Amino acid sequence: MWSYSSYMLTAVAALLVTCHALPKYPGIPGLLGIPGLLGIPGLPGRDDLKEQTHLSGLRGASGSLVGPPGKQLTCPQGLPNSLNTELHKDLVNLKHRLSRLKGVLVLKEKIREVGEKILASNGKKVDFASALASCEDARGTLATPMNEEENKAILGIVKKYNQYAYLGIKEGEDSGQFKYLNGMPVNYTEWHQNEPNGKRTEKCVEMYTDGSWNDKKCNLHRLTVCEF
């Protein structure tokens, strides 16, 4: 028996043979087909996408902490006009008296002025540490020449007492590197010929009576000259 598939193939073949065997006459035109349905619109392209809108975040809760109250400052009251006038007069008189006293000391060669410095000596010969302590007790320090003019002023006191004097200069950690007492390197010198030559055994500096310098041991007694 033929299967259903075989039967269908035979029928189709017969139909094709019959159609080709028939005479060919022009047929009647068929009716127009029904127009197809409109297609679904496509999705918009990437360039047509609308800009996204960002939503604002929620507002934070209000703080409830309050800082401590500030301290009230009380400014001191100024002096009455009468006291201001009296104080001004006292200061003027004191300045005048100090000026006169300084003039007397200069005249008696007790002190010497050079620039903003005042130089003085108590005439005592002590070691370096004691000389420095005497000057610091008087609110000064050892005389330290920073230029030729100051060196000459110290020399005037040295010549008066005819004694070598310690200067406010010491050798630093490095051999041959001398510094001021505040640690700054020396930028003005008046070394005597072939000095310094102590090679770390002479860490202090003295002034000769000709104004030149020499490195010396700090335990020797030399004239005390202070600057203010």
Protein backbone atom coordinates (compact mmCIF):
# COMPACT_ATOMS: atom_id res chain seq x y z
CA MET A 1 0.00 0.00 0.00
CA TRP A 2 1.17 3.47 -0.68
CA SER A 3 1.80 5.70 2.21
CA TYR A 4 0.14 9.06 2.45
CA SER A 5 3.44 10.80 1.57
CA SER A 6 3.83 8.69 -1.62
CA TYR A 7 0.31 9.47 -2.67
CA MET A 8 0.78 13.20 -2.26
CA LEU A 9 4.01 13.19 -4.30
CA THR A 10 2.26 11.29 -7.15
CA ALA A 11 -0.65 13.77 -7.17
CA VAL A 12 1.66 16.76 -7.33
CA ALA A 13 3.64 15.21 -10.18
CA ALA A 14 0.50 14.49 -12.16
CA LEU A 15 -0.72 18.03 -11.66
CA LEU A 16 2.54 19.47 -12.96
CA VAL A 17 2.44 17.20 -16.05
CA THR A 18 -1.16 18.13 -16.80
CA CYS A 19 -0.46 21.84 -16.52
CA HIS A 20 2.44 21.64 -18.96
CA ALA A 21 0.37 19.47 -21.40
CA LEU A 22 -2.53 21.90 -21.66
CA PRO A 23 -2.57 24.55 -24.44
CA LYS A 24 -1.53 27.93 -23.26
CA TYR A 25 -4.30 30.57 -23.46
CA PRO A 26 -4.24 33.95 -21.72
CA GLY A 27 -6.30 33.85 -18.57
CA ILE A 28 -8.53 36.46 -16.93
CA PRO A 29 -6.59 38.80 -14.64
CA GLY A 30 -7.12 38.01 -10.98
CA LEU A 31 -8.54 40.36 -8.36
CA LEU A 32 -6.22 42.72 -6.48
CA GLY A 33 -5.05 41.38 -3.16
CA ILE A 34 -6.01 42.95 0.13
CA PRO A 35 -3.38 45.54 1.27
CA GLY A 36 -1.14 44.25 4.05
CA LEU A 37 -1.25 45.62 7.59
CA LEU A 38 1.13 48.41 8.63
CA GLY A 39 4.26 47.21 10.37
CA ILE A 40 5.05 48.01 14.00
CA PRO A 41 7.20 51.22 14.30
CA GLY A 42 10.84 50.50 15.05
CA LEU A 43 12.62 51.56 18.26
CA PRO A 44 14.26 55.02 18.25
CA GLY A 45 18.00 55.13 17.47
CA ARG A 46 20.66 55.86 20.12
CA ASP A 47 20.96 59.53 19.08
CA ASP A 48 17.21 60.00 19.65
CA LEU A 49 17.28 58.91 23.28
CA LYS A 50 16.22 61.64 25.65
CA GLU A 51 18.64 62.87 28.28
CA GLN A 52 18.08 61.06 31.52
CA THR A 53 16.84 63.12 34.44
CA HIS A 54 18.62 62.61 37.78
CA LEU A 55 16.47 62.68 40.86
CA SER A 56 17.62 64.96 43.73
CA GLY A 57 18.72 63.23 46.93
CA LEU A 58 16.79 63.54 50.14
CA ARG A 59 17.69 66.49 52.38
CA GLY A 60 19.66 65.57 55.47
CA ALA A 61 18.29 66.08 58.92
CA SER A 62 19.12 69.36 60.68
CA GLY A 63 21.87 69.24 63.30
CA SER A 64 20.86 69.51 66.89
CA LEU A 65 24.24 70.18 68.58
CA VAL A 66 24.96 73.70 69.81
CA GLY A 67 28.52 74.89 70.49
CA PRO A 68 29.52 76.16 73.94
CA PRO A 69 29.17 79.89 74.52
CA GLY A 70 32.31 81.94 73.88
CA LYS A 71 34.25 83.53 76.71
CA GLN A 72 33.75 87.20 77.23
CA LEU A 73 37.02 89.12 77.08
CA THR A 74 37.51 92.13 79.24
CA CYS A 75 40.00 94.64 77.89
CA PRO A 76 42.02 96.55 80.46
CA GLN A 77 41.12 100.15 80.80
CA GLY A 78 43.60 102.73 79.64
CA LEU A 79 45.38 105.00 82.02
CA PRO A 80 43.81 108.36 82.78
CA ASN A 81 45.18 111.25 80.77
CA SER A 82 46.84 112.71 83.86
CA LEU A 83 48.80 109.48 84.51
CA ASN A 84 49.72 109.19 80.82
CA THR A 85 51.17 112.68 80.91
CA GLU A 86 53.12 112.01 84.11
CA LEU A 87 54.42 108.68 82.77
CA HIS A 88 55.56 110.35 79.57
CA LYS A 89 57.44 113.02 81.56
CA ASP A 90 59.12 110.34 83.71
CA LEU A 91 60.24 108.43 80.63
CA VAL A 92 61.66 111.56 79.03
CA ASN A 93 63.55 112.43 82.21
CA LEU A 94 64.86 108.88 82.56
CA LYS A 95 66.04 108.85 78.97
CA HIS A 96 67.81 112.17 79.52
CA ARG A 97 69.53 110.93 82.68
CA LEU A 98 70.65 107.72 80.98
CA SER A 99 72.05 109.74 78.11
CA ARG A 100 74.04 111.92 80.53
CA LEU A 101 75.29 108.87 82.43
CA LYS A 102 76.40 107.23 79.21
CA GLY A 103 78.25 110.39 78.27
CA VAL A 104 80.10 110.38 81.59
CA LEU A 105 81.06 106.71 81.21
CA VAL A 106 82.29 107.30 77.68
CA LEU A 107 84.28 110.31 78.83
CA LYS A 108 85.92 108.22 81.56
CA GLU A 109 86.52 105.44 79.03
CA LYS A 110 84.39 103.00 81.04
CA ILE A 111 82.30 102.11 78.00
CA ARG A 112 82.60 102.39 74.25
CA GLU A 113 79.84 102.73 71.68
CA VAL A 114 80.01 101.17 68.23
CA GLY A 115 76.93 101.03 66.03
CA GLU A 116 74.06 99.63 68.11
CA LYS A 117 76.45 98.02 70.60
CA ILE A 118 77.87 99.23 73.91
CA LEU A 119 81.14 97.66 75.05
CA ALA A 120 82.35 97.57 78.66
CA SER A 121 84.85 95.73 80.87
CA ASN A 122 85.06 95.11 84.59
CA GLY A 123 88.85 94.87 84.29
CA LYS A 124 88.91 91.29 85.60
CA LYS A 125 90.92 88.41 84.14
CA VAL A 126 89.16 85.04 84.34
CA ASP A 127 88.72 81.88 82.27
CA PHE A 128 86.34 81.79 79.30
CA ALA A 129 83.35 80.29 81.15
CA SER A 130 83.62 82.81 84.00
CA ALA A 131 83.98 85.75 81.59
CA LEU A 132 80.88 84.66 79.67
CA ALA A 133 78.91 84.19 82.90
CA SER A 134 79.84 87.72 84.07
CA CYS A 135 78.55 89.22 80.82
CA GLU A 136 75.34 87.17 80.84
CA ASP A 137 74.66 88.12 84.46
CA ALA A 138 74.76 91.75 83.31
CA ARG A 139 72.27 90.90 80.50
CA GLY A 140 74.98 90.93 77.82
CA THR A 141 77.44 88.53 76.20
CA LEU A 142 81.15 88.39 75.41
CA ALA A 143 82.31 91.03 72.94
CA THR A 144 82.03 89.63 69.40
CA PRO A 145 83.45 91.71 66.55
CA MET A 146 81.30 91.38 63.41
CA ASN A 147 83.29 93.87 61.33
CA GLU A 148 86.46 95.98 61.38
CA GLU A 149 84.80 98.89 63.20
CA GLU A 150 83.68 96.67 66.09
CA ASN A 151 87.09 94.99 66.22
CA LYS A 152 88.75 98.40 66.64
CA ALA A 153 86.32 99.34 69.41
CA ILE A 154 87.16 96.18 71.38
CA LEU A 155 90.84 96.81 70.71
CA GLY A 156 90.50 100.19 72.45
CA ILE A 157 89.50 98.45 75.68
CA VAL A 158 92.21 95.80 75.26
CA LYS A 159 94.84 98.53 74.88
CA LYS A 160 93.51 100.43 77.90
CA TYR A 161 94.02 97.43 80.18
CA ASN A 162 96.98 96.13 78.18
CA GLN A 163 95.60 92.63 78.45
CA TYR A 164 94.54 89.99 75.95
CA ALA A 165 90.76 89.52 75.97
CA TYR A 166 88.42 86.63 75.20
CA LEU A 167 86.03 87.04 72.26
CA GLY A 168 82.58 85.51 71.86
CA ILE A 169 83.86 82.92 69.38
CA LYS A 170 84.60 79.19 69.81
CA GLU A 171 85.70 76.31 67.62
CA GLY A 172 82.88 74.08 66.41
CA GLU A 173 82.69 70.32 66.01
CA ASP A 174 84.79 70.44 62.84
CA SER A 175 88.46 71.26 63.33
CA GLY A 176 89.32 74.81 62.30
CA GLN A 177 85.65 75.84 61.92
CA PHE A 178 85.01 78.69 64.37
CA LYS A 179 81.51 79.90 65.20
CA TYR A 180 79.77 82.64 67.15
CA LEU A 181 78.23 81.66 70.47
CA ASN A 182 74.81 81.39 68.80
CA GLY A 183 76.18 78.64 66.52
CA MET A 184 76.40 80.71 63.34
CA PRO A 185 79.66 80.48 61.34
CA VAL A 186 82.11 83.38 61.65
CA ASN A 187 81.91 85.71 58.65
CA TYR A 188 84.59 88.21 59.73
CA THR A 189 88.06 87.36 61.05
CA GLU A 190 91.31 89.06 62.06
CA TRP A 191 93.53 86.04 62.61
CA HIS A 192 97.17 86.64 63.50
CA GLN A 193 99.70 85.24 61.05
CA ASN A 194 99.66 81.40 60.91
CA GLU A 195 96.60 81.27 63.17
CA PRO A 196 94.50 79.37 64.09
CA ASN A 197 96.82 76.41 64.65
CA GLY A 198 95.51 74.77 67.82
CA LYS A 199 94.15 71.71 65.97
CA ARG A 200 91.16 71.27 68.31
CA THR A 201 93.26 71.73 71.47
CA GLU A 202 92.65 75.49 71.56
CA LYS A 203 88.91 76.04 71.16
CA CYS A 204 88.59 79.64 72.42
CA VAL A 205 89.68 82.89 70.76
CA GLU A 206 91.60 85.80 72.29
CA MET A 207 92.44 89.26 70.96
CA TYR A 208 96.04 90.46 71.04
CA THR A 209 96.93 94.05 71.87
CA ASP A 210 97.35 94.74 68.15
CA GLY A 211 93.78 93.66 67.38
CA SER A 212 94.66 90.33 65.75
CA TRP A 213 93.17 87.01 66.93
CA ASN A 214 94.65 83.79 68.27
CA ASP A 215 93.05 80.48 69.20
CA LYS A 216 93.73 79.62 72.83
CA LYS A 217 92.80 77.12 75.52
CA CYS A 218 89.65 78.14 77.39
CA ASN A 219 91.02 77.64 80.91
CA LEU A 220 93.53 80.50 80.73
CA HIS A 221 92.73 83.85 82.34
CA ARG A 222 92.00 86.70 79.97
CA LEU A 223 90.35 90.12 80.21
CA THR A 224 86.55 90.19 80.32
CA VAL A 225 84.97 92.47 77.70
CA CYS A 226 81.19 92.43 77.32
CA GLU A 227 78.82 93.81 74.72
CA PHE A 228 75.27 95.04 75.23
